[in-house]
């Protein structure tokens, strides 16, 4: 999302089998790195619902979730590494 030299990002839930730019299951919020401070808006209840269902956040989304207080970053990163077989 965004325009040239003005990025903004959506935080979405997507099936891992879907194409990269394919349809998503649910939009949880958005992130704008250009504002001071950064704008992070995430539906915390929706994020928790998907995490309880087994969704694995990317490292960037795990950082954003920790920033808004949904999860602790070390736990989110360890969980994603455990699923990849990294100890």
C-alpha atoms as a PDB file:
ATOM      1  CA  UNK A   1       0.000   0.000   0.000  1.00  0.00           C
ATOM      2  CA  UNK A   2       1.008   3.619  -0.096  1.00  0.00           C
ATOM      3  CA  UNK A   3       2.525   5.774  -2.788  1.00  0.00           C
ATOM      4  CA  UNK A   4       6.016   6.236  -4.149  1.00  0.00           C
ATOM      5  CA  UNK A   5       8.394   6.883  -1.220  1.00  0.00           C
ATOM      6  CA  UNK A   6       5.454   6.786   1.207  1.00  0.00           C
ATOM      7  CA  UNK A   7       4.993   3.192   2.354  1.00  0.00           C
ATOM      8  CA  UNK A   8       2.155   1.987   4.529  1.00  0.00           C
ATOM      9  CA  UNK A   9       1.335  -1.612   5.269  1.00  0.00           C
ATOM     10  CA  UNK A  10      -1.719  -3.732   6.038  1.00  0.00           C
ATOM     11  CA  UNK A  11      -1.603  -6.429   8.686  1.00  0.00           C
ATOM     12  CA  UNK A  12      -3.608  -9.333   7.286  1.00  0.00           C
ATOM     13  CA  UNK A  13      -4.282 -13.014   7.902  1.00  0.00           C
ATOM     14  CA  UNK A  14      -3.530 -15.108   4.829  1.00  0.00           C
ATOM     15  CA  UNK A  15      -3.431 -18.834   4.131  1.00  0.00           C
ATOM     16  CA  UNK A  16       0.144 -19.991   3.514  1.00  0.00           C
ATOM     17  CA  UNK A  17      -1.006 -21.810   0.360  1.00  0.00           C
ATOM     18  CA  UNK A  18      -2.349 -18.584  -1.208  1.00  0.00           C
ATOM     19  CA  UNK A  19      -0.340 -16.489  -3.677  1.00  0.00           C
ATOM     20  CA  UNK A  20       1.667 -13.656  -2.138  1.00  0.00           C
ATOM     21  CA  UNK A  21      -0.692 -10.944  -3.376  1.00  0.00           C
ATOM     22  CA  UNK A  22      -3.781 -13.157  -3.238  1.00  0.00           C
ATOM     23  CA  UNK A  23      -6.955 -12.702  -1.242  1.00  0.00           C
ATOM     24  CA  UNK A  24      -6.596 -12.538   2.518  1.00  0.00           C
ATOM     25  CA  UNK A  25      -8.856 -14.021   5.193  1.00  0.00           C
ATOM     26  CA  UNK A  26      -9.076 -10.982   7.458  1.00  0.00           C
ATOM     27  CA  UNK A  27      -7.537  -7.524   7.731  1.00  0.00           C
ATOM     28  CA  UNK A  28      -6.327  -6.963  11.298  1.00  0.00           C
ATOM     29  CA  UNK A  29      -4.975  -3.436  10.999  1.00  0.00           C
ATOM     30  CA  UNK A  30      -2.351  -1.211   9.441  1.00  0.00           C
ATOM     31  CA  UNK A  31       1.128   0.190  10.028  1.00  0.00           C
ATOM     32  CA  UNK A  32       2.600   3.514   8.892  1.00  0.00           C
ATOM     33  CA  UNK A  33       6.350   3.840   9.549  1.00  0.00           C
ATOM     34  CA  UNK A  34       6.575   7.470   8.373  1.00  0.00           C
ATOM     35  CA  UNK A  35       4.617   9.133  11.181  1.00  0.00           C
ATOM     36  CA  UNK A  36       6.388  10.200  14.364  1.00  0.00           C
ATOM     37  CA  UNK A  37       5.864   8.002  16.342  1.00  0.00           C
ATOM     38  CA  UNK A  38       5.044   5.089  14.026  1.00  0.00           C
ATOM     39  CA  UNK A  39       1.316   4.434  13.634  1.00  0.00           C
ATOM     40  CA  UNK A  40       0.361   0.857  14.532  1.00  0.00           C
ATOM     41  CA  UNK A  41      -3.342  -0.003  14.601  1.00  0.00           C
ATOM     42  CA  UNK A  42      -4.180  -3.684  15.181  1.00  0.00           C
ATOM     43  CA  UNK A  43      -7.419  -5.358  16.246  1.00  0.00           C
ATOM     44  CA  UNK A  44      -6.093  -7.104  19.348  1.00  0.00           C
ATOM     45  CA  UNK A  45      -9.071  -9.441  19.777  1.00  0.00           C
ATOM     46  CA  UNK A  46      -8.845 -10.537  16.146  1.00  0.00           C
ATOM     47  CA  UNK A  47      -5.096 -11.088  16.397  1.00  0.00           C
ATOM     48  CA  UNK A  48      -5.480 -13.204  19.530  1.00  0.00           C
ATOM     49  CA  UNK A  49      -8.241 -15.225  17.858  1.00  0.00           C
ATOM     50  CA  UNK A  50      -6.004 -16.109  14.922  1.00  0.00           C
ATOM     51  CA  UNK A  51      -2.959 -16.809  17.104  1.00  0.00           C
ATOM     52  CA  UNK A  52      -5.043 -19.220  19.203  1.00  0.00           C
ATOM     53  CA  UNK A  53      -6.102 -20.967  15.987  1.00  0.00           C
ATOM     54  CA  UNK A  54      -2.443 -21.571  15.173  1.00  0.00           C
ATOM     55  CA  UNK A  55      -1.553 -18.640  12.923  1.00  0.00           C
ATOM     56  CA  UNK A  56       2.184 -17.942  12.778  1.00  0.00           C
ATOM     57  CA  UNK A  57       3.131 -14.251  12.550  1.00  0.00           C
ATOM     58  CA  UNK A  58       6.074 -13.173  10.429  1.00  0.00           C
ATOM     59  CA  UNK A  59       8.963 -11.571  12.299  1.00  0.00           C
ATOM     60  CA  UNK A  60       7.784  -8.092  11.281  1.00  0.00           C
ATOM     61  CA  UNK A  61       4.216  -8.739  12.415  1.00  0.00           C
ATOM     62  CA  UNK A  62       5.466 -10.323  15.656  1.00  0.00           C
ATOM     63  CA  UNK A  63       7.342  -7.067  16.338  1.00  0.00           C
ATOM     64  CA  UNK A  64       4.195  -5.036  15.680  1.00  0.00           C
ATOM     65  CA  UNK A  65       2.090  -7.351  17.866  1.00  0.00           C
ATOM     66  CA  UNK A  66       4.577  -6.943  20.706  1.00  0.00           C
ATOM     67  CA  UNK A  67       4.523  -3.168  20.212  1.00  0.00           C
ATOM     68  CA  UNK A  68       0.742  -3.042  20.786  1.00  0.00           C
ATOM     69  CA  UNK A  69       0.913  -5.563  23.639  1.00  0.00           C
ATOM     70  CA  UNK A  70      -0.735  -8.592  22.036  1.00  0.00           C
ATOM     71  CA  UNK A  71       2.254 -10.945  22.488  1.00  0.00           C
ATOM     72  CA  UNK A  72       5.747 -10.873  23.906  1.00  0.00           C
ATOM     73  CA  UNK A  73       8.215 -10.694  21.034  1.00  0.00           C
ATOM     74  CA  UNK A  74      10.622 -13.400  22.280  1.00  0.00           C
ATOM     75  CA  UNK A  75       7.758 -15.891  22.587  1.00  0.00           C
ATOM     76  CA  UNK A  76       6.397 -15.112  19.123  1.00  0.00           C
ATOM     77  CA  UNK A  77       9.813 -15.492  17.495  1.00  0.00           C
ATOM     78  CA  UNK A  78      10.579 -18.715  19.404  1.00  0.00           C
ATOM     79  CA  UNK A  79       7.221 -20.164  18.369  1.00  0.00           C
ATOM     80  CA  UNK A  80       7.859 -19.427  14.690  1.00  0.00           C
ATOM     81  CA  UNK A  81      11.366 -20.911  14.905  1.00  0.00           C
ATOM     82  CA  UNK A  82      10.049 -24.048  16.624  1.00  0.00           C
ATOM     83  CA  UNK A  83       7.740 -24.709  13.692  1.00  0.00           C
ATOM     84  CA  UNK A  84      10.655 -24.378  11.282  1.00  0.00           C
ATOM     85  CA  UNK A  85      12.769 -26.838  13.230  1.00  0.00           C
ATOM     86  CA  UNK A  86      15.200 -24.205  14.572  1.00  0.00           C
ATOM     87  CA  UNK A  87      16.142 -24.458  18.224  1.00  0.00           C
END
